[in-house]
Protein backbone atom coordinates (compact mmCIF):
# COMPACT_ATOMS: atom_id res chain seq x y z
CA MET A 1 -7.36 -36.96 3.90
CA PRO A 2 -4.84 -39.05 2.93
CA ALA A 3 -2.56 -40.54 5.58
CA VAL A 4 -0.08 -39.23 6.57
CA THR A 5 3.82 -40.47 5.81
CA ALA A 6 5.97 -37.92 5.86
CA ILE A 7 6.29 -34.57 8.44
CA LEU A 8 8.52 -31.70 6.67
CA THR A 9 9.37 -28.61 9.07
CA ASP A 10 10.22 -25.43 8.70
CA ILE A 11 12.68 -24.40 11.45
CA GLU A 12 12.45 -20.49 12.44
CA GLY A 13 8.61 -19.71 14.19
CA THR A 14 7.78 -23.06 14.20
CA THR A 15 10.49 -25.33 15.82
CA SER A 16 12.61 -22.61 17.19
CA SER A 17 12.21 -19.01 18.55
CA ILE A 18 12.46 -16.65 15.42
CA ASP A 19 14.43 -14.28 18.53
CA PHE A 20 17.29 -17.11 18.96
CA VAL A 21 18.14 -17.11 15.30
CA LYS A 22 18.19 -12.95 14.87
CA HIS A 23 19.77 -12.11 18.51
CA VAL A 24 22.05 -15.10 18.72
CA LEU A 25 22.75 -16.49 15.23
CA PHE A 26 22.92 -13.68 13.00
CA PRO A 27 24.65 -11.62 15.43
CA TYR A 28 27.29 -14.01 16.55
CA ALA A 29 27.97 -14.38 12.26
CA ARG A 30 28.02 -11.00 11.53
CA GLU A 31 30.83 -9.95 14.13
CA ARG A 32 33.34 -12.89 13.23
CA LEU A 33 32.37 -13.39 9.06
CA PRO A 34 34.98 -10.73 8.33
CA ALA A 35 37.97 -12.97 10.08
CA PHE A 36 36.64 -15.80 8.85
CA ILE A 37 37.19 -14.59 5.33
CA GLU A 38 40.37 -13.52 5.52
CA THR A 39 41.76 -16.56 7.33
CA HIS A 40 39.61 -18.98 5.09
CA GLY A 41 39.16 -17.83 2.53
CA ASP A 42 41.66 -19.39 0.38
CA THR A 43 40.21 -22.71 1.19
CA THR A 44 38.22 -24.58 -1.61
CA GLU A 45 34.80 -24.65 -0.01
CA VAL A 46 34.81 -20.54 0.89
CA GLN A 47 36.12 -19.67 -2.62
CA HIS A 48 33.71 -21.59 -3.88
CA TRP A 49 30.93 -19.38 -1.87
CA LEU A 50 33.01 -16.49 -2.07
CA GLN A 51 32.49 -16.77 -6.12
CA ARG A 52 28.95 -17.76 -5.79
CA ALA A 53 28.06 -14.38 -3.53
CA ALA A 54 29.43 -12.43 -6.78
CA GLU A 55 27.41 -14.23 -8.79
CA GLU A 56 24.32 -13.69 -6.86
CA ALA A 57 25.30 -10.38 -6.64
CA GLY A 58 25.22 -10.49 -11.34
CA GLN A 59 29.21 -10.43 -10.79
CA ILE A 60 31.81 -12.67 -12.22
CA ALA A 61 34.80 -11.79 -9.92
CA LEU A 62 34.53 -9.24 -6.88
CA PRO A 63 37.67 -8.11 -4.67
CA ARG A 64 37.57 -10.09 -1.08
CA GLN A 65 36.61 -6.69 1.10
CA GLU A 66 33.80 -6.06 -1.52
CA LEU A 67 32.64 -9.43 -0.94
CA ILE A 68 32.69 -8.78 3.21
CA GLU A 69 31.06 -5.62 2.86
CA LEU A 70 28.34 -7.27 0.55
CA LEU A 71 27.59 -10.37 2.71
CA LEU A 72 27.35 -8.15 5.77
CA GLU A 73 24.78 -6.13 3.99
CA TRP A 74 23.31 -9.53 3.11
CA ILE A 75 23.26 -10.19 7.30
CA ASP A 76 21.40 -7.02 8.16
CA ALA A 77 18.90 -6.97 5.41
CA ASP A 78 18.43 -11.01 6.11
CA ARG A 79 18.51 -11.78 2.52
CA LYS A 80 17.44 -15.55 1.73
CA SER A 81 20.93 -16.06 -0.14
CA THR A 82 22.28 -19.56 -0.24
CA ALA A 83 25.98 -18.57 -0.51
CA LEU A 84 26.22 -15.78 2.64
CA LYS A 85 23.59 -19.18 4.60
CA ALA A 86 26.26 -21.23 3.91
CA LEU A 87 29.59 -19.35 5.25
CA GLN A 88 27.00 -18.38 8.37
CA GLY A 89 27.23 -22.41 8.70
CA MET A 90 30.56 -22.94 8.87
CA ILE A 91 30.50 -20.02 11.38
CA TRP A 92 27.92 -21.12 13.63
CA LEU A 93 29.68 -24.39 14.04
CA ASP A 94 32.62 -23.06 15.15
CA GLY A 95 30.31 -21.53 18.02
CA TYR A 96 28.35 -24.82 19.05
CA ALA A 97 31.51 -26.78 19.16
CA ALA A 98 32.85 -24.24 21.70
CA GLY A 99 29.98 -24.29 24.03
CA ASP A 100 28.99 -20.71 22.90
CA PHE A 101 25.32 -21.22 22.64
CA ARG A 102 22.76 -24.34 22.17
CA ALA A 103 20.09 -23.58 19.42
CA HIS A 104 16.19 -23.44 20.97
CA VAL A 105 13.61 -25.39 20.21
CA TYR A 106 10.21 -24.77 21.69
CA PRO A 107 9.55 -27.11 24.78
CA GLU A 108 7.08 -29.60 23.32
CA VAL A 109 8.95 -30.24 20.28
CA ALA A 110 11.43 -33.07 20.49
CA SER A 111 8.48 -35.30 22.50
CA ARG A 112 6.48 -34.93 19.69
CA LEU A 113 9.09 -35.67 16.63
CA ARG A 114 10.27 -38.73 18.90
CA ALA A 115 6.68 -39.49 18.94
CA TRP A 116 6.01 -38.74 15.20
CA ARG A 117 9.32 -40.83 14.68
CA ALA A 118 8.11 -44.25 16.63
CA ALA A 119 4.73 -44.03 14.62
CA GLY A 120 6.74 -44.53 11.93
CA LYS A 121 6.43 -40.85 10.21
CA ARG A 122 9.38 -40.02 8.10
CA LEU A 123 10.69 -36.55 9.07
CA TYR A 124 12.59 -33.71 6.96
CA VAL A 125 13.65 -30.08 7.25
CA TYR A 126 13.35 -27.27 5.02
CA SER A 127 15.00 -24.33 5.99
CA SER A 128 16.72 -20.99 4.56
CA GLY A 129 19.19 -22.12 6.31
CA SER A 130 21.71 -24.07 4.73
CA VAL A 131 22.00 -28.23 5.35
CA PRO A 132 24.70 -27.97 7.13
CA ALA A 133 23.57 -25.18 9.35
CA GLN A 134 20.25 -27.30 10.31
CA ARG A 135 22.33 -30.47 10.55
CA LEU A 136 24.01 -27.98 13.44
CA PHE A 137 20.86 -26.52 15.16
CA PHE A 138 19.65 -30.11 15.37
CA ARG A 139 22.55 -31.62 17.06
CA TYR A 140 23.53 -29.15 19.35
CA SER A 141 20.15 -28.26 20.39
CA GLU A 142 18.60 -27.91 23.67
CA ALA A 143 16.64 -30.61 23.44
CA GLY A 144 19.71 -32.76 23.06
CA ASP A 145 20.97 -34.21 19.93
CA LEU A 146 17.72 -34.62 17.59
CA THR A 147 19.51 -35.55 14.44
CA PRO A 148 18.72 -39.23 14.51
CA LEU A 149 14.97 -38.56 14.14
CA PHE A 150 15.64 -36.98 10.62
CA ASP A 151 15.58 -38.44 7.32
CA GLY A 152 16.38 -35.65 5.28
CA TYR A 153 17.00 -31.65 5.18
CA PHE A 154 16.78 -29.47 2.52
CA ASP A 155 17.80 -26.09 1.82
CA THR A 156 17.43 -23.03 -0.72
CA GLU A 157 19.72 -25.20 -3.07
CA THR A 158 16.26 -26.79 -3.76
CA GLY A 159 14.36 -23.83 -4.62
CA PRO A 160 12.78 -20.95 -2.86
CA LYS A 161 10.59 -21.39 0.00
CA ARG A 162 7.74 -19.45 -1.72
CA GLU A 163 7.48 -21.45 -5.20
CA ALA A 164 5.65 -24.65 -5.65
CA ALA A 165 8.27 -26.16 -7.92
CA SER A 166 10.46 -26.38 -5.05
CA TYR A 167 7.79 -28.56 -2.58
CA ALA A 168 7.23 -30.67 -5.57
CA ARG A 169 10.97 -31.57 -6.16
CA ILE A 170 11.44 -32.25 -2.15
CA ALA A 171 8.47 -34.81 -2.36
CA ALA A 172 10.04 -36.33 -5.57
CA ALA A 173 13.29 -36.73 -3.64
CA ILE A 174 12.00 -38.11 -0.40
CA GLY A 175 9.93 -40.74 -2.61
CA VAL A 176 6.54 -39.63 -1.45
CA ALA A 177 3.19 -38.34 -2.80
CA PRO A 178 2.83 -34.89 -2.22
CA ALA A 179 -0.92 -35.72 -0.67
CA ALA A 180 0.65 -37.87 1.88
CA VAL A 181 3.34 -35.35 3.45
CA VAL A 182 2.17 -32.39 5.90
CA PHE A 183 4.30 -29.51 5.94
CA LEU A 184 4.58 -27.13 9.06
CA SER A 185 5.46 -23.11 8.72
CA ASP A 186 4.71 -20.04 10.52
CA ILE A 187 4.70 -18.48 6.90
CA GLU A 188 1.64 -18.71 5.06
CA ALA A 189 3.09 -17.58 1.55
CA GLU A 190 5.65 -21.42 2.41
CA LEU A 191 2.08 -23.04 3.49
CA ASP A 192 0.74 -21.53 0.27
CA ALA A 193 3.38 -22.74 -2.28
CA ALA A 194 3.38 -26.10 -0.61
CA GLN A 195 -0.63 -26.28 -1.22
CA ALA A 196 0.13 -25.98 -4.72
CA ALA A 197 1.88 -28.75 -4.80
CA GLY A 198 -1.04 -30.79 -3.38
CA MET A 199 1.02 -31.05 0.41
CA GLN A 200 -0.94 -30.68 3.68
CA THR A 201 -0.70 -27.77 5.62
CA ILE A 202 -0.85 -26.42 9.21
CA LEU A 203 -0.24 -23.11 10.25
CA LEU A 204 2.46 -22.56 12.99
CA ALA A 205 0.56 -19.49 15.37
CA ARG A 206 2.61 -19.20 18.52
CA ALA A 207 2.28 -17.61 21.22
CA PRO A 208 1.46 -14.10 21.43
CA ALA A 209 0.51 -14.75 17.78
CA GLN A 210 -3.25 -15.81 16.96
CA CYS A 211 -4.62 -18.29 14.17
CA PRO A 212 -5.84 -15.29 11.80
CA PRO A 213 -8.89 -15.08 10.96
CA GLY A 214 -10.03 -16.82 7.83
CA ALA A 215 -6.56 -18.56 7.53
CA ARG A 216 -6.23 -20.51 4.10
CA HIS A 217 -4.54 -23.59 6.31
CA ARG A 218 -5.42 -25.67 9.39
CA CYS A 219 -3.95 -23.73 12.35
CA VAL A 220 -2.44 -24.63 15.84
CA ALA A 221 -0.89 -23.01 18.86
CA ASP A 222 2.40 -25.72 18.98
CA PHE A 223 2.85 -28.79 17.92
CA ASP A 224 0.98 -30.51 20.85
CA ALA A 225 -1.78 -29.24 19.18
CA ILE A 226 -1.05 -30.96 16.07
CA GLU A 227 -3.21 -34.06 15.21
CA LEU A 228 -2.09 -35.99 12.08
CA ALA A 229 -3.99 -38.84 9.93
């Protein structure tokens, strides 16, 4: 097995609890989204993402109220919409800056990330959340500002997380052979795609989950159990 030179990690269920995203971030954005769009809807950036949302819905354009209702439906359905994720990230910025919350990270994550970085590994993030939202997440984490540890971030602008081509694009973008990259995730379908692209893979099965019998990927309970070449 080739030596690992780059580590690509998911966020939800991997570095951080799904509950934080589901029970803190999503409700925060849902509550504030209508007012945010009404007050910021004429800015160039918000207009861009509202247009993208309409296009994702198969429309050339939609009235603002219909867009708001559509986006609320997508939040409730946890739709992996690039436009929605971008708008959520703008709302979360206000929450982080105001100190309304700090991003959860599992207890061992920060120390392991620092150790890998000190060992010369390059660290990257690939999440369905927008790149700006990812940066906010790690900047305002419970463990402090972790952004200096990361070399780059990728979201669904790169491609769907369950398609091998997305991981091939990431490897090409960071200039590392896929075989020298290890992808960390709690979702086997994502790991399948990364493996198909030639990456090494590790499944995180955090408590109370357990490694599934006959798992297709190396499986660990936390970052401390990860051994890298």
